[in-house]
Amino acid sequence: MVNLGTGIPTTIRELVEISAKILGVKAKIVYQPPKPGEIGNFVADLNKLKKMFGETPKTKIKGGLEKTYKWMKEHQTFHPSI
């Protein structure tokens, strides 16, 4: 198993704000207390990935989300509500 990610901390709030900007919507963020056992902070460790493949991902989170949403829009049969 290999962790995939950017290796850069990104909050849920940042993900929501980036996604809302890409989609052209205004997000309403509602904060809730953490659930028992919930992990507060997690950053993917890319060392194993680099050791196995010799490099780490070059795509930044915003670019990756833009590509993902573009693909989903082009393949709406994947999820028609997009």
N, C-alpha and C. Protein backbone atom coordinates (compact mmCIF):
# COMPACT_ATOMS: atom_id res chain seq x y z
N MET A 1 0.85 -1.17 0.00
CA MET A 1 0.00 0.00 0.00
C MET A 1 0.90 1.24 0.00
N VAL A 2 0.50 2.21 -0.78
CA VAL A 2 1.26 3.45 -0.89
C VAL A 2 0.31 4.62 -0.70
N ASN A 3 0.71 5.58 0.16
CA ASN A 3 -0.08 6.80 0.32
C ASN A 3 0.11 7.70 -0.89
N LEU A 4 -0.97 8.22 -1.39
CA LEU A 4 -0.90 9.21 -2.46
C LEU A 4 -1.42 10.53 -1.90
N GLY A 5 -0.76 11.58 -2.22
CA GLY A 5 -1.17 12.89 -1.76
C GLY A 5 -0.14 13.90 -2.21
N THR A 6 -0.23 15.08 -1.67
CA THR A 6 0.72 16.13 -2.05
C THR A 6 1.90 16.20 -1.10
N GLY A 7 1.73 15.64 0.11
CA GLY A 7 2.76 15.79 1.12
C GLY A 7 2.70 17.16 1.79
N ILE A 8 1.71 17.95 1.40
CA ILE A 8 1.53 19.30 1.93
C ILE A 8 0.20 19.32 2.70
N PRO A 9 0.22 19.80 3.95
CA PRO A 9 -1.03 19.85 4.71
C PRO A 9 -2.10 20.70 4.00
N THR A 10 -3.31 20.17 3.91
CA THR A 10 -4.44 20.88 3.31
C THR A 10 -5.65 20.65 4.20
N THR A 11 -6.28 21.72 4.66
CA THR A 11 -7.44 21.57 5.53
C THR A 11 -8.69 21.28 4.70
N ILE A 12 -9.68 20.75 5.37
CA ILE A 12 -10.98 20.52 4.72
C ILE A 12 -11.54 21.85 4.22
N ARG A 13 -11.36 22.89 5.02
CA ARG A 13 -11.83 24.23 4.62
C ARG A 13 -11.18 24.65 3.30
N GLU A 14 -9.85 24.44 3.18
CA GLU A 14 -9.16 24.79 1.94
C GLU A 14 -9.70 23.98 0.76
N LEU A 15 -9.95 22.69 0.96
CA LEU A 15 -10.51 21.85 -0.10
C LEU A 15 -11.87 22.36 -0.54
N VAL A 16 -12.70 22.73 0.43
CA VAL A 16 -14.04 23.25 0.13
C VAL A 16 -13.93 24.57 -0.63
N GLU A 17 -13.06 25.45 -0.18
CA GLU A 17 -12.93 26.76 -0.83
C GLU A 17 -12.39 26.62 -2.26
N ILE A 18 -11.40 25.76 -2.45
CA ILE A 18 -10.86 25.53 -3.80
C ILE A 18 -11.94 24.93 -4.70
N SER A 19 -12.65 23.93 -4.18
CA SER A 19 -13.70 23.27 -4.96
C SER A 19 -14.80 24.25 -5.33
N ALA A 20 -15.23 25.07 -4.38
CA ALA A 20 -16.29 26.04 -4.63
C ALA A 20 -15.87 27.03 -5.72
N LYS A 21 -14.62 27.48 -5.67
CA LYS A 21 -14.12 28.42 -6.68
C LYS A 21 -14.11 27.76 -8.07
N ILE A 22 -13.63 26.52 -8.14
CA ILE A 22 -13.58 25.81 -9.42
C ILE A 22 -14.99 25.61 -9.98
N LEU A 23 -15.93 25.27 -9.11
CA LEU A 23 -17.30 24.98 -9.55
C LEU A 23 -18.15 26.24 -9.71
N GLY A 24 -17.63 27.37 -9.26
CA GLY A 24 -18.38 28.62 -9.39
C GLY A 24 -19.57 28.69 -8.46
N VAL A 25 -19.42 28.14 -7.26
CA VAL A 25 -20.50 28.17 -6.27
C VAL A 25 -19.98 28.78 -4.98
N LYS A 26 -20.91 29.17 -4.12
CA LYS A 26 -20.53 29.67 -2.81
C LYS A 26 -20.80 28.56 -1.80
N ALA A 27 -19.78 28.19 -1.07
CA ALA A 27 -19.92 27.12 -0.09
C ALA A 27 -20.34 27.68 1.27
N LYS A 28 -21.24 26.97 1.91
CA LYS A 28 -21.62 27.32 3.27
C LYS A 28 -20.97 26.27 4.17
N ILE A 29 -20.01 26.72 4.96
CA ILE A 29 -19.28 25.81 5.83
C ILE A 29 -19.90 25.83 7.21
N VAL A 30 -20.26 24.66 7.70
CA VAL A 30 -20.84 24.52 9.03
C VAL A 30 -19.87 23.67 9.85
N TYR A 31 -19.36 24.25 10.91
CA TYR A 31 -18.41 23.54 11.75
C TYR A 31 -19.13 22.67 12.77
N GLN A 32 -18.62 21.47 12.97
CA GLN A 32 -19.14 20.53 13.94
C GLN A 32 -17.99 20.09 14.84
N PRO A 33 -18.29 19.69 16.08
CA PRO A 33 -17.21 19.18 16.92
C PRO A 33 -16.68 17.86 16.36
N PRO A 34 -15.40 17.56 16.58
CA PRO A 34 -14.85 16.30 16.06
C PRO A 34 -15.54 15.10 16.69
N LYS A 35 -15.64 14.04 15.91
CA LYS A 35 -16.23 12.79 16.39
C LYS A 35 -15.15 12.00 17.13
N PRO A 36 -15.55 11.17 18.08
CA PRO A 36 -14.56 10.36 18.79
C PRO A 36 -13.73 9.51 17.82
N GLY A 37 -12.43 9.53 18.00
CA GLY A 37 -11.55 8.75 17.15
C GLY A 37 -11.17 9.41 15.84
N GLU A 38 -11.74 10.58 15.57
CA GLU A 38 -11.46 11.28 14.32
C GLU A 38 -10.01 11.79 14.31
N ILE A 39 -9.34 11.61 13.19
CA ILE A 39 -7.97 12.08 13.06
C ILE A 39 -7.99 13.57 12.74
N GLY A 40 -7.30 14.37 13.55
CA GLY A 40 -7.31 15.81 13.36
C GLY A 40 -6.47 16.27 12.19
N ASN A 41 -5.26 15.81 12.12
CA ASN A 41 -4.35 16.24 11.06
C ASN A 41 -3.69 15.01 10.44
N PHE A 42 -3.62 14.99 9.13
CA PHE A 42 -2.97 13.89 8.44
C PHE A 42 -2.35 14.43 7.16
N VAL A 43 -1.09 14.12 6.97
CA VAL A 43 -0.40 14.50 5.73
C VAL A 43 0.23 13.23 5.19
N ALA A 44 -0.03 12.94 3.93
CA ALA A 44 0.51 11.74 3.31
C ALA A 44 2.04 11.78 3.32
N ASP A 45 2.65 10.69 3.76
CA ASP A 45 4.11 10.54 3.72
C ASP A 45 4.45 9.90 2.38
N LEU A 46 5.15 10.62 1.54
CA LEU A 46 5.41 10.17 0.18
C LEU A 46 6.74 9.42 0.03
N ASN A 47 7.43 9.14 1.14
CA ASN A 47 8.73 8.48 1.07
C ASN A 47 8.67 7.11 0.41
N LYS A 48 7.68 6.29 0.75
CA LYS A 48 7.56 4.96 0.16
C LYS A 48 7.28 5.06 -1.34
N LEU A 49 6.42 5.98 -1.71
CA LEU A 49 6.10 6.21 -3.12
C LEU A 49 7.36 6.59 -3.89
N LYS A 50 8.14 7.51 -3.32
CA LYS A 50 9.37 7.96 -3.98
C LYS A 50 10.37 6.81 -4.08
N LYS A 51 10.47 6.00 -3.03
CA LYS A 51 11.39 4.87 -3.05
C LYS A 51 10.99 3.84 -4.11
N MET A 52 9.69 3.59 -4.27
CA MET A 52 9.20 2.59 -5.22
C MET A 52 9.26 3.08 -6.67
N PHE A 53 8.93 4.35 -6.90
CA PHE A 53 8.80 4.86 -8.27
C PHE A 53 9.83 5.92 -8.65
N GLY A 54 10.65 6.34 -7.69
CA GLY A 54 11.70 7.30 -7.98
C GLY A 54 11.27 8.75 -8.04
N GLU A 55 10.01 9.01 -7.82
CA GLU A 55 9.53 10.39 -7.84
C GLU A 55 8.23 10.50 -7.07
N THR A 56 7.79 11.71 -6.88
CA THR A 56 6.52 11.97 -6.20
C THR A 56 5.62 12.77 -7.14
N PRO A 57 4.31 12.81 -6.87
CA PRO A 57 3.40 13.53 -7.76
C PRO A 57 3.78 15.00 -7.91
N LYS A 58 3.58 15.52 -9.10
CA LYS A 58 3.90 16.92 -9.40
C LYS A 58 2.65 17.80 -9.40
N THR A 59 1.47 17.19 -9.46
CA THR A 59 0.22 17.94 -9.54
C THR A 59 -0.12 18.55 -8.19
N LYS A 60 -0.40 19.83 -8.19
CA LYS A 60 -0.84 20.53 -6.98
C LYS A 60 -2.33 20.24 -6.77
N ILE A 61 -2.80 20.46 -5.55
CA ILE A 61 -4.18 20.11 -5.19
C ILE A 61 -5.20 20.84 -6.08
N LYS A 62 -4.99 22.13 -6.34
CA LYS A 62 -5.95 22.88 -7.16
C LYS A 62 -6.00 22.31 -8.58
N GLY A 63 -4.84 22.07 -9.17
CA GLY A 63 -4.79 21.52 -10.52
C GLY A 63 -5.41 20.13 -10.59
N GLY A 64 -5.16 19.32 -9.57
CA GLY A 64 -5.74 17.98 -9.53
C GLY A 64 -7.26 18.02 -9.43
N LEU A 65 -7.78 18.92 -8.60
CA LEU A 65 -9.23 19.05 -8.48
C LEU A 65 -9.84 19.58 -9.78
N GLU A 66 -9.18 20.53 -10.41
CA GLU A 66 -9.68 21.06 -11.69
C GLU A 66 -9.77 19.95 -12.73
N LYS A 67 -8.73 19.13 -12.84
CA LYS A 67 -8.73 18.02 -13.79
C LYS A 67 -9.82 17.00 -13.45
N THR A 68 -9.97 16.72 -12.15
CA THR A 68 -10.99 15.75 -11.72
C THR A 68 -12.38 16.24 -12.06
N TYR A 69 -12.70 17.50 -11.73
CA TYR A 69 -14.03 18.04 -12.01
C TYR A 69 -14.29 18.14 -13.51
N LYS A 70 -13.25 18.48 -14.26
CA LYS A 70 -13.40 18.54 -15.73
C LYS A 70 -13.74 17.16 -16.27
N TRP A 71 -13.02 16.14 -15.81
CA TRP A 71 -13.28 14.78 -16.27
C TRP A 71 -14.69 14.35 -15.89
N MET A 72 -15.10 14.65 -14.67
CA MET A 72 -16.44 14.27 -14.22
C MET A 72 -17.52 14.96 -15.06
N LYS A 73 -17.30 16.23 -15.40
CA LYS A 73 -18.27 16.96 -16.22
C LYS A 73 -18.35 16.35 -17.62
N GLU A 74 -17.20 15.96 -18.17
CA GLU A 74 -17.17 15.36 -19.51
C GLU A 74 -17.76 13.94 -19.52
N HIS A 75 -17.83 13.32 -18.37
CA HIS A 75 -18.33 11.95 -18.25
C HIS A 75 -19.52 11.92 -17.29
N GLN A 76 -20.52 12.74 -17.58
CA GLN A 76 -21.65 12.90 -16.66
C GLN A 76 -22.42 11.61 -16.44
N THR A 77 -22.26 10.63 -17.32
CA THR A 77 -22.92 9.36 -17.05
C THR A 77 -22.29 8.69 -15.85
N PHE A 78 -21.05 9.13 -15.50
CA PHE A 78 -20.38 8.65 -14.31
C PHE A 78 -21.19 9.04 -13.07
N HIS A 79 -21.68 10.26 -13.04
CA HIS A 79 -22.53 10.75 -11.96
C HIS A 79 -23.38 11.88 -12.52
N PRO A 80 -24.62 11.60 -12.93
CA PRO A 80 -25.45 12.57 -13.65
C PRO A 80 -25.74 13.88 -12.92
N SER A 81 -25.58 13.95 -11.60
CA SER A 81 -25.94 15.19 -10.89
C SER A 81 -24.85 16.24 -10.96
N ILE A 82 -23.73 15.94 -11.58
CA ILE A 82 -22.63 16.90 -11.65
C ILE A 82 -22.92 17.93 -12.74
